[in-house]
C-alpha atoms as a PDB file:
ATOM      1  CA  MET A   1      -0.114  -0.249  -0.197  1.00  0.00           C
ATOM      2  CA  THR A   2       1.109   3.724  -0.491  1.00  0.00           C
ATOM      3  CA  GLY A   3       0.644   6.207   1.666  1.00  0.00           C
ATOM      4  CA  PHE A   4      -2.511   7.906   0.888  1.00  0.00           C
ATOM      5  CA  VAL A   5      -6.128   7.673   1.639  1.00  0.00           C
ATOM      6  CA  VAL A   6      -8.388   8.129  -1.291  1.00  0.00           C
ATOM      7  CA  VAL A   7     -12.016   9.435  -0.686  1.00  0.00           C
ATOM      8  CA  GLY A   8     -14.400   9.390  -3.053  1.00  0.00           C
ATOM      9  CA  VAL A   9     -16.539  13.091  -3.580  1.00  0.00           C
ATOM     10  CA  ASP A  10     -19.429  14.038  -5.499  1.00  0.00           C
ATOM     11  CA  GLY A  11     -20.509  17.122  -3.862  1.00  0.00           C
ATOM     12  CA  SER A  12     -23.482  15.847  -1.577  1.00  0.00           C
ATOM     13  CA  GLU A  13     -23.660  16.100   2.223  1.00  0.00           C
ATOM     14  CA  PRO A  14     -22.467  12.401   3.081  1.00  0.00           C
ATOM     15  CA  SER A  15     -19.531  12.897   0.445  1.00  0.00           C
ATOM     16  CA  GLY A  16     -18.897  16.054   2.615  1.00  0.00           C
ATOM     17  CA  ALA A  17     -18.852  14.052   5.698  1.00  0.00           C
ATOM     18  CA  ALA A  18     -16.583  11.457   4.159  1.00  0.00           C
ATOM     19  CA  LEU A  19     -13.912  14.076   2.995  1.00  0.00           C
ATOM     20  CA  ASP A  20     -13.745  15.364   6.365  1.00  0.00           C
ATOM     21  CA  TRP A  21     -13.395  12.013   7.892  1.00  0.00           C
ATOM     22  CA  ALA A  22     -10.464  11.191   5.093  1.00  0.00           C
ATOM     23  CA  ALA A  23      -8.880  14.589   5.723  1.00  0.00           C
ATOM     24  CA  ASP A  24      -8.393  13.919   9.417  1.00  0.00           C
ATOM     25  CA  ASP A  25      -7.124  10.078   8.866  1.00  0.00           C
ATOM     26  CA  ALA A  26      -4.858  11.328   6.919  1.00  0.00           C
ATOM     27  CA  ALA A  27      -3.326  14.327   8.461  1.00  0.00           C
ATOM     28  CA  ARG A  28      -3.410  11.847  11.956  1.00  0.00           C
ATOM     29  CA  ARG A  29      -1.468   8.960  10.120  1.00  0.00           C
ATOM     30  CA  GLY A  30       1.054  11.517   8.319  1.00  0.00           C
ATOM     31  CA  LEU A  31      -0.654  10.308   5.121  1.00  0.00           C
ATOM     32  CA  GLY A  32      -1.795  11.748   1.748  1.00  0.00           C
ATOM     33  CA  LEU A  33      -5.019  12.480   0.428  1.00  0.00           C
ATOM     34  CA  ARG A  34      -6.380  11.830  -2.999  1.00  0.00           C
ATOM     35  CA  LEU A  35      -9.707  13.136  -3.969  1.00  0.00           C
ATOM     36  CA  VAL A  36     -11.565  11.189  -6.839  1.00  0.00           C
ATOM     37  CA  HIS A  37     -14.887  12.459  -8.562  1.00  0.00           C
ATOM     38  CA  VAL A  38     -16.037   9.709 -10.877  1.00  0.00           C
ATOM     39  CA  ARG A  39     -17.567  11.004 -13.871  1.00  0.00           C
ATOM     40  CA  ALA A  40     -20.152   8.840 -15.617  1.00  0.00           C
ATOM     41  CA  PRO A  41     -18.970   8.359 -19.270  1.00  0.00           C
ATOM     42  CA  TRP A  42     -22.567   8.786 -20.659  1.00  0.00           C
ATOM     43  CA  ALA A  43     -22.498  12.357 -19.365  1.00  0.00           C
ATOM     44  CA  ALA A  44     -22.766  14.975 -22.098  1.00  0.00           C
ATOM     45  CA  GLU A  45     -20.164  17.515 -21.874  1.00  0.00           C
ATOM     46  CA  HIS A  46     -22.647  20.495 -22.458  1.00  0.00           C
ATOM     47  CA  PRO A  47     -25.551  19.980 -20.342  1.00  0.00           C
ATOM     48  CA  LEU A  48     -29.057  21.261 -22.234  1.00  0.00           C
ATOM     49  CA  THR A  49     -29.783  23.661 -19.417  1.00  0.00           C
ATOM     50  CA  GLY A  50     -28.274  26.624 -20.619  1.00  0.00           C
ATOM     51  CA  ASP A  51     -25.618  26.549 -18.380  1.00  0.00           C
ATOM     52  CA  HIS A  52     -22.542  27.926 -20.449  1.00  0.00           C
ATOM     53  CA  GLU A  53     -20.000  25.617 -18.061  1.00  0.00           C
ATOM     54  CA  SER A  54     -19.227  22.316 -19.578  1.00  0.00           C
ATOM     55  CA  ARG A  55     -19.567  19.039 -17.314  1.00  0.00           C
ATOM     56  CA  THR A  56     -15.413  18.980 -17.238  1.00  0.00           C
ATOM     57  CA  GLU A  57     -15.735  22.548 -15.925  1.00  0.00           C
ATOM     58  CA  GLN A  58     -18.285  21.677 -13.317  1.00  0.00           C
ATOM     59  CA  CYS A  59     -16.820  18.413 -11.820  1.00  0.00           C
ATOM     60  CA  GLU A  60     -13.052  20.428 -11.693  1.00  0.00           C
ATOM     61  CA  ARG A  61     -14.910  22.897  -9.875  1.00  0.00           C
ATOM     62  CA  LEU A  62     -16.292  20.598  -7.384  1.00  0.00           C
ATOM     63  CA  LEU A  63     -12.862  18.756  -6.612  1.00  0.00           C
ATOM     64  CA  ALA A  64     -11.345  22.386  -6.277  1.00  0.00           C
ATOM     65  CA  ALA A  65     -13.753  23.260  -3.441  1.00  0.00           C
ATOM     66  CA  ALA A  66     -13.225  19.623  -1.747  1.00  0.00           C
ATOM     67  CA  SER A  67      -9.756  20.408  -2.234  1.00  0.00           C
ATOM     68  CA  ALA A  68      -9.838  23.528  -0.421  1.00  0.00           C
ATOM     69  CA  ARG A  69     -12.157  22.193   2.290  1.00  0.00           C
ATOM     70  CA  ALA A  70      -9.745  19.582   3.130  1.00  0.00           C
ATOM     71  CA  ARG A  71      -6.867  22.016   3.359  1.00  0.00           C
ATOM     72  CA  ASP A  72      -9.072  24.034   5.381  1.00  0.00           C
ATOM     73  CA  ARG A  73      -9.427  21.300   8.220  1.00  0.00           C
ATOM     74  CA  SER A  74      -6.092  20.210   7.976  1.00  0.00           C
ATOM     75  CA  PRO A  75      -3.353  22.865   6.797  1.00  0.00           C
ATOM     76  CA  GLY A  76      -0.203  21.135   5.514  1.00  0.00           C
ATOM     77  CA  LEU A  77      -2.025  18.092   4.437  1.00  0.00           C
ATOM     78  CA  VAL A  78      -0.867  16.868   1.023  1.00  0.00           C
ATOM     79  CA  ALA A  79      -4.037  16.776  -1.050  1.00  0.00           C
ATOM     80  CA  MET A  80      -4.235  15.957  -5.024  1.00  0.00           C
ATOM     81  CA  THR A  81      -7.558  15.463  -6.751  1.00  0.00           C
ATOM     82  CA  ALA A  82      -8.512  12.944  -9.566  1.00  0.00           C
ATOM     83  CA  LEU A  83     -11.284  13.360 -12.305  1.00  0.00           C
ATOM     84  CA  VAL A  84     -11.764   9.905 -13.700  1.00  0.00           C
ATOM     85  CA  THR A  85     -14.360   8.582 -15.946  1.00  0.00           C
ATOM     86  CA  GLY A  86     -16.451   5.107 -15.793  1.00  0.00           C
ATOM     87  CA  ALA A  87     -18.315   3.244 -13.360  1.00  0.00           C
ATOM     88  CA  VAL A  88     -17.955   3.736  -9.441  1.00  0.00           C
ATOM     89  CA  VAL A  89     -17.241   0.559  -8.703  1.00  0.00           C
ATOM     90  CA  GLU A  90     -14.747  -0.260 -10.763  1.00  0.00           C
ATOM     91  CA  ARG A  91     -12.968   2.872 -10.774  1.00  0.00           C
ATOM     92  CA  LEU A  92     -12.598   2.915  -6.724  1.00  0.00           C
ATOM     93  CA  ARG A  93     -11.846  -0.600  -6.984  1.00  0.00           C
ATOM     94  CA  SER A  94      -8.698   0.213  -9.198  1.00  0.00           C
ATOM     95  CA  GLU A  95      -7.602   3.217  -6.473  1.00  0.00           C
ATOM     96  CA  SER A  96      -7.895   0.777  -4.356  1.00  0.00           C
ATOM     97  CA  GLU A  97      -5.123  -1.336  -5.254  1.00  0.00           C
ATOM     98  CA  THR A  98      -2.596   1.526  -4.477  1.00  0.00           C
ATOM     99  CA  ALA A  99      -4.565   3.095  -1.752  1.00  0.00           C
ATOM    100  CA  ASP A 100      -3.790   2.959   2.375  1.00  0.00           C
ATOM    101  CA  THR A 101      -7.787   3.061   2.456  1.00  0.00           C
ATOM    102  CA  VAL A 102     -10.657   4.455   0.091  1.00  0.00           C
ATOM    103  CA  VAL A 103     -13.082   6.345   2.507  1.00  0.00           C
ATOM    104  CA  VAL A 104     -16.774   6.807   0.832  1.00  0.00           C
ATOM    105  CA  GLY A 105     -20.335   8.621   2.320  1.00  0.00           C
ATOM    106  CA  SER A 106     -23.267   6.508   3.261  1.00  0.00           C
ATOM    107  CA  ARG A 107     -24.912   7.807   0.302  1.00  0.00           C
ATOM    108  CA  GLY A 108     -24.638  10.252  -2.353  1.00  0.00           C
ATOM    109  CA  LEU A 109     -25.477  12.066  -5.809  1.00  0.00           C
ATOM    110  CA  GLY A 110     -25.224  10.458  -8.907  1.00  0.00           C
ATOM    111  CA  GLY A 111     -22.935   7.227  -8.869  1.00  0.00           C
ATOM    112  CA  PHE A 112     -22.311   7.335  -5.308  1.00  0.00           C
ATOM    113  CA  ALA A 113     -26.460   7.088  -4.698  1.00  0.00           C
ATOM    114  CA  GLY A 114     -26.894   4.236  -2.065  1.00  0.00           C
ATOM    115  CA  LEU A 115     -23.732   3.199  -2.073  1.00  0.00           C
ATOM    116  CA  VAL A 116     -23.943   1.416   1.248  1.00  0.00           C
ATOM    117  CA  LEU A 117     -27.602  -0.096   0.550  1.00  0.00           C
ATOM    118  CA  GLY A 118     -27.395  -1.096  -3.185  1.00  0.00           C
ATOM    119  CA  SER A 119     -25.343  -2.967  -5.400  1.00  0.00           C
ATOM    120  CA  VAL A 120     -22.600  -0.487  -5.682  1.00  0.00           C
ATOM    121  CA  GLY A 121     -21.595  -0.408  -1.942  1.00  0.00           C
ATOM    122  CA  LEU A 122     -21.927  -4.209  -1.598  1.00  0.00           C
ATOM    123  CA  GLY A 123     -19.661  -4.644  -4.776  1.00  0.00           C
ATOM    124  CA  LEU A 124     -16.884  -2.409  -3.568  1.00  0.00           C
ATOM    125  CA  ALA A 125     -17.018  -3.545   0.357  1.00  0.00           C
ATOM    126  CA  GLY A 126     -16.943  -7.354  -1.327  1.00  0.00           C
ATOM    127  CA  HIS A 127     -14.155  -6.665  -3.791  1.00  0.00           C
ATOM    128  CA  ALA A 128     -11.687  -3.389  -2.336  1.00  0.00           C
ATOM    129  CA  HIS A 129      -8.131  -4.209  -2.001  1.00  0.00           C
ATOM    130  CA  CYS A 130      -7.539  -2.248   0.775  1.00  0.00           C
ATOM    131  CA  PRO A 131      -9.731  -1.321   3.898  1.00  0.00           C
ATOM    132  CA  LEU A 132     -13.039   0.608   2.875  1.00  0.00           C
ATOM    133  CA  VAL A 133     -14.459   3.299   5.606  1.00  0.00           C
ATOM    134  CA  VAL A 134     -18.292   4.115   5.312  1.00  0.00           C
ATOM    135  CA  VAL A 135     -18.679   7.074   6.967  1.00  0.00           C
ATOM    136  CA  ARG A 136     -22.484   7.842   8.160  1.00  0.00           C
ATOM    137  CA  GLY A 137     -23.245  11.142   9.519  1.00  0.00           C
ATOM    138  CA  PRO A 138     -21.258  14.422  10.198  1.00  0.00           C
ATOM    139  CA  ALA A 139     -17.943  14.204  12.519  1.00  0.00           C
ATOM    140  CA  ARG A 140     -18.599  13.966  16.127  1.00  0.00           C
ATOM    141  CA  SER A 141     -16.308  14.794  19.405  1.00  0.00           C
ATOM    142  CA  PRO A 142     -13.717  11.744  19.860  1.00  0.00           C
ATOM    143  CA  GLN A 143     -15.326   8.949  22.200  1.00  0.00           C
ATOM    144  CA  GLY A 144     -11.666   7.450  22.766  1.00  0.00           C
ATOM    145  CA  GLU A 145     -12.215   4.105  21.533  1.00  0.00           C
ATOM    146  CA  VAL A 146     -12.051   1.985  18.515  1.00  0.00           C
ATOM    147  CA  VAL A 147     -13.827  -0.946  18.108  1.00  0.00           C
ATOM    148  CA  VAL A 148     -13.234  -4.655  16.106  1.00  0.00           C
ATOM    149  CA  GLY A 149     -15.197  -7.748  15.654  1.00  0.00           C
ATOM    150  CA  PHE A 150     -12.995 -10.610  16.040  1.00  0.00           C
ATOM    151  CA  ASP A 151     -13.458 -14.129  16.012  1.00  0.00           C
ATOM    152  CA  GLY A 152      -9.907 -15.682  15.540  1.00  0.00           C
ATOM    153  CA  SER A 153     -10.098 -15.929  11.938  1.00  0.00           C
ATOM    154  CA  SER A 154      -7.043 -14.626   9.608  1.00  0.00           C
ATOM    155  CA  ASP A 155      -9.547 -12.362   8.149  1.00  0.00           C
ATOM    156  CA  ALA A 156     -10.382 -10.807  11.518  1.00  0.00           C
ATOM    157  CA  GLU A 157      -6.802 -10.783  12.226  1.00  0.00           C
ATOM    158  CA  ALA A 158      -6.407  -8.096   9.377  1.00  0.00           C
ATOM    159  CA  ALA A 159      -9.054  -5.845  10.830  1.00  0.00           C
ATOM    160  CA  VAL A 160      -7.549  -5.884  14.284  1.00  0.00           C
ATOM    161  CA  GLU A 161      -4.199  -5.074  12.415  1.00  0.00           C
ATOM    162  CA  TYR A 162      -6.101  -2.235  11.074  1.00  0.00           C
ATOM    163  CA  ALA A 163      -8.180  -1.253  14.262  1.00  0.00           C
ATOM    164  CA  LEU A 164      -4.816  -1.074  16.243  1.00  0.00           C
ATOM    165  CA  ARG A 165      -3.046   1.202  13.889  1.00  0.00           C
ATOM    166  CA  GLN A 166      -6.132   3.583  13.878  1.00  0.00           C
ATOM    167  CA  ALA A 167      -6.586   3.165  17.796  1.00  0.00           C
ATOM    168  CA  GLY A 168      -2.762   4.082  18.036  1.00  0.00           C
ATOM    169  CA  ALA A 169      -2.987   7.161  15.890  1.00  0.00           C
ATOM    170  CA  ARG A 170      -5.933   8.367  17.851  1.00  0.00           C
ATOM    171  CA  GLY A 171      -4.401   7.291  21.549  1.00  0.00           C
ATOM    172  CA  ALA A 172      -7.849   5.687  21.710  1.00  0.00           C
ATOM    173  CA  ARG A 173      -8.575   2.284  23.596  1.00  0.00           C
ATOM    174  CA  LEU A 174      -9.323  -1.271  21.414  1.00  0.00           C
ATOM    175  CA  ARG A 175     -12.204  -2.827  22.312  1.00  0.00           C
ATOM    176  CA  ALA A 176     -12.368  -6.065  20.886  1.00  0.00           C
ATOM    177  CA  VAL A 177     -15.875  -7.556  20.538  1.00  0.00           C
ATOM    178  CA  HIS A 178     -16.371 -11.513  20.459  1.00  0.00           C
ATOM    179  CA  ALA A 179     -19.989 -13.049  20.022  1.00  0.00           C
ATOM    180  CA  ARG A 180     -20.532 -16.611  21.061  1.00  0.00           C
ATOM    181  CA  PRO A 181     -23.486 -18.438  20.144  1.00  0.00           C
ATOM    182  CA  TYR A 182     -25.943 -20.067  22.539  1.00  0.00           C
ATOM    183  CA  PRO A 183     -25.389 -23.625  23.611  1.00  0.00           C
ATOM    184  CA  VAL A 184     -26.746 -26.227  21.096  1.00  0.00           C
ATOM    185  CA  LEU A 185     -29.288 -28.493  23.054  1.00  0.00           C
ATOM    186  CA  ALA A 186     -28.481 -32.285  22.487  1.00  0.00           C
ATOM    187  CA  ALA A 187     -30.444 -35.317  24.248  1.00  0.00           C
ATOM    188  CA  HIS A 188     -29.668 -36.306  27.952  1.00  0.00           C
ATOM    189  CA  PRO A 189     -31.297 -39.375  29.434  1.00  0.00           C
ATOM    190  CA  THR A 190     -33.836 -36.786  31.273  1.00  0.00           C
ATOM    191  CA  GLY A 191     -34.490 -34.702  28.558  1.00  0.00           C
ATOM    192  CA  TYR A 192     -32.648 -31.970  26.469  1.00  0.00           C
ATOM    193  CA  GLY A 193     -30.122 -29.795  27.927  1.00  0.00           C
ATOM    194  CA  PRO A 194     -26.981 -28.079  26.668  1.00  0.00           C
ATOM    195  CA  LEU A 195     -24.148 -29.455  25.131  1.00  0.00           C
ATOM    196  CA  PRO A 196     -20.832 -28.813  26.710  1.00  0.00           C
ATOM    197  CA  PRO A 197     -19.466 -25.401  25.164  1.00  0.00           C
ATOM    198  CA  GLU A 198     -16.173 -25.302  23.527  1.00  0.00           C
ATOM    199  CA  ASP A 199     -14.604 -22.637  25.314  1.00  0.00           C
ATOM    200  CA  HIS A 200     -11.676 -21.077  23.010  1.00  0.00           C
ATOM    201  CA  GLY A 201     -11.864 -17.618  24.827  1.00  0.00           C
ATOM    202  CA  ALA A 202      -8.151 -18.727  26.311  1.00  0.00           C
ATOM    203  CA  GLU A 203      -6.900 -19.156  22.670  1.00  0.00           C
ATOM    204  CA  LEU A 204      -8.598 -16.523  21.205  1.00  0.00           C
ATOM    205  CA  ARG A 205      -7.322 -14.094  24.113  1.00  0.00           C
ATOM    206  CA  GLN A 206      -3.698 -15.007  23.490  1.00  0.00           C
ATOM    207  CA  ARG A 207      -4.220 -14.562  19.839  1.00  0.00           C
ATOM    208  CA  LEU A 208      -5.138 -10.704  20.269  1.00  0.00           C
ATOM    209  CA  LEU A 209      -2.995 -10.240  23.037  1.00  0.00           C
ATOM    210  CA  SER A 210      -0.145 -11.501  20.540  1.00  0.00           C
ATOM    211  CA  LEU A 211      -1.384  -9.165  18.098  1.00  0.00           C
ATOM    212  CA  GLY A 212      -1.921  -6.288  20.517  1.00  0.00           C
ATOM    213  CA  ALA A 213       2.145  -6.823  21.735  1.00  0.00           C
ATOM    214  CA  ARG A 214       2.918  -4.993  18.105  1.00  0.00           C
ATOM    215  CA  HIS A 215       1.353  -1.945  19.568  1.00  0.00           C
ATOM    216  CA  PRO A 216       2.282  -1.804  22.981  1.00  0.00           C
ATOM    217  CA  ASP A 217       1.057   2.209  23.122  1.00  0.00           C
ATOM    218  CA  VAL A 218      -2.636   0.581  22.729  1.00  0.00           C
ATOM    219  CA  GLU A 219      -4.818  -0.149  25.511  1.00  0.00           C
ATOM    220  CA  VAL A 220      -6.675  -3.789  24.390  1.00  0.00           C
ATOM    221  CA  VAL A 221      -9.928  -4.721  26.148  1.00  0.00           C
ATOM    222  CA  GLU A 222     -12.254  -7.476  25.252  1.00  0.00           C
ATOM    223  CA  SER A 223     -15.844  -7.806  25.173  1.00  0.00           C
ATOM    224  CA  VAL A 224     -17.607 -11.499  25.136  1.00  0.00           C
ATOM    225  CA  VAL A 225     -21.343 -11.109  24.537  1.00  0.00           C
ATOM    226  CA  ARG A 226     -23.716 -14.330  23.663  1.00  0.00           C
ATOM    227  CA  GLY A 227     -25.739 -14.576  20.756  1.00  0.00           C
ATOM    228  CA  HIS A 228     -25.649 -12.735  17.470  1.00  0.00           C
ATOM    229  CA  PRO A 229     -22.805 -10.228  16.638  1.00  0.00           C
ATOM    230  CA  VAL A 230     -25.107  -7.665  15.249  1.00  0.00           C
ATOM    231  CA  PRO A 231     -26.360  -6.038  18.403  1.00  0.00           C
ATOM    232  CA  ALA A 232     -23.130  -6.554  20.416  1.00  0.00           C
ATOM    233  CA  LEU A 233     -21.283  -4.109  17.206  1.00  0.00           C
ATOM    234  CA  ALA A 234     -24.115  -1.847  17.051  1.00  0.00           C
ATOM    235  CA  ASP A 235     -24.440  -1.066  20.875  1.00  0.00           C
ATOM    236  CA  ALA A 236     -20.605  -1.109  20.814  1.00  0.00           C
ATOM    237  CA  SER A 237     -20.284   1.769  18.057  1.00  0.00           C
ATOM    238  CA  ARG A 238     -22.842   4.328  19.984  1.00  0.00           C
ATOM    239  CA  GLU A 239     -19.595   5.041  22.098  1.00  0.00           C
ATOM    240  CA  ALA A 240     -17.033   4.361  19.634  1.00  0.00           C
ATOM    241  CA  ASP A 241     -15.073   6.487  16.655  1.00  0.00           C
ATOM    242  CA  LEU A 242     -14.772   3.564  14.344  1.00  0.00           C
ATOM    243  CA  VAL A 243     -16.124   0.075  14.086  1.00  0.00           C
ATOM    244  CA  VAL A 244     -13.737  -2.745  12.079  1.00  0.00           C
ATOM    245  CA  LEU A 245     -14.618  -5.467  10.286  1.00  0.00           C
ATOM    246  CA  GLY A 246     -12.995  -8.405   8.904  1.00  0.00           C
ATOM    247  CA  SER A 247     -14.201  -9.313   5.382  1.00  0.00           C
ATOM    248  CA  ARG A 248     -14.929 -12.336   6.142  1.00  0.00           C
ATOM    249  CA  GLY A 249     -14.956 -14.654   9.227  1.00  0.00           C
ATOM    250  CA  LEU A 250     -16.116 -17.531  11.502  1.00  0.00           C
ATOM    251  CA  GLY A 251     -19.331 -18.296  13.282  1.00  0.00           C
ATOM    252  CA  GLY A 252     -21.447 -15.164  13.485  1.00  0.00           C
ATOM    253  CA  PHE A 253     -18.725 -12.779  11.453  1.00  0.00           C
ATOM    254  CA  ALA A 254     -19.022 -15.519   8.679  1.00  0.00           C
ATOM    255  CA  SER A 255     -19.530 -13.773   5.155  1.00  0.00           C
ATOM    256  CA  ALA A 256     -19.702 -10.583   7.137  1.00  0.00           C
ATOM    257  CA  VAL A 257     -19.057  -8.188   4.310  1.00  0.00           C
ATOM    258  CA  LEU A 258     -21.405  -9.690   1.720  1.00  0.00           C
ATOM    259  CA  GLY A 259     -24.119 -11.185   4.036  1.00  0.00           C
ATOM    260  CA  SER A 260     -26.696 -10.272   6.606  1.00  0.00           C
ATOM    261  CA  VAL A 261     -24.028  -9.319   9.632  1.00  0.00           C
ATOM    262  CA  SER A 262     -22.318  -6.275   7.089  1.00  0.00           C
ATOM    263  CA  HIS A 263     -25.745  -5.059   6.009  1.00  0.00           C
ATOM    264  CA  ALA A 264     -26.895  -5.059   9.234  1.00  0.00           C
ATOM    265  CA  VAL A 265     -23.948  -3.041  10.778  1.00  0.00           C
ATOM    266  CA  LEU A 266     -23.884  -0.654   7.912  1.00  0.00           C
ATOM    267  CA  HIS A 267     -27.821   0.175   8.746  1.00  0.00           C
ATOM    268  CA  ARG A 268     -27.159   0.316  12.660  1.00  0.00           C
ATOM    269  CA  ALA A 269     -23.899   1.820  13.190  1.00  0.00           C
ATOM    270  CA  HIS A 270     -23.668   5.011  15.123  1.00  0.00           C
ATOM    271  CA  CYS A 271     -20.126   5.713  13.918  1.00  0.00           C
ATOM    272  CA  PRO A 272     -17.905   5.338  10.608  1.00  0.00           C
ATOM    273  CA  VAL A 273     -17.710   1.681   9.625  1.00  0.00           C
ATOM    274  CA  ALA A 274     -14.256   0.075   8.149  1.00  0.00           C
ATOM    275  CA  VAL A 275     -14.157  -3.431   6.286  1.00  0.00           C
ATOM    276  CA  VAL A 276     -10.587  -4.963   6.042  1.00  0.00           C
ATOM    277  CA  PRO A 277     -10.058  -7.444   3.592  1.00  0.00           C
ATOM    278  CA  ALA A 278      -7.844 -10.569   4.209  1.00  0.00           C
ATOM    279  CA  ARG A 279      -4.422 -10.533   3.705  1.00  0.00           C
ATOM    280  CA  ARG A 280      -3.513 -11.469   0.199  1.00  0.00           C
ATOM    281  CA  SER A 281      -1.622 -14.317  -0.705  1.00  0.00           C
ATOM    282  CA  PRO A 282       2.291 -13.898  -1.989  1.00  0.00           C
ATOM    283  CA  SER A 283       2.037 -14.821  -5.544  1.00  0.00           C
END
């Protein structure tokens, strides 16, 4: 990955919230900021509205305003703009190949409309090559905590590593949430009762401590809850600066990007959500 945070901008209010988050994140972690506006290939260069400004000029003005907003928010920030043509998912997916993080708003105008709830957002979340952050609502005061869903899978470990970097840059605590299903019932001589639980808590805790040891400046706490992970993560997001999920996992986090868990967390989270892809195997 290179040292740039990429943010998709389209002039909408949610896009502005994403821009603010991306500018803060880039400044906080000493990275550059790349502002990308995706222009639809079928958009006419000269709209039939009587406006003398061409489509290209409109897009460039939008990017200039976004760049000025980012620089005003984070003076000294290294920012660049890019006007690209094509389908939003494909172009942002291409950007993710060389980005540290890609940031988008939860909704937007034009190509970004329905980014979280529709096929565009799901397609990008499932196939981005770097962490994808979806920002909901304007920035709020720091809460001092980053939340990560952890189930012991290798995908979740990638999420923990990203969450640790985010927490370290913020001077925040990391809360690892692990959801365990309720015990399965099995037949007993006198009726039905719970099977003896397979307690992997000690193993998970050890793996979490091992990951946390790479960031000794970050306080790591663990929350173990019974039941489905979505309510636990949604509740934890109320007092978090960021919720981080792996792209896939075990147990409750299986298919967290493309399945119901990701959909539900993106719907219900009260703070930005980061979806982190698994580590790429060396070719």
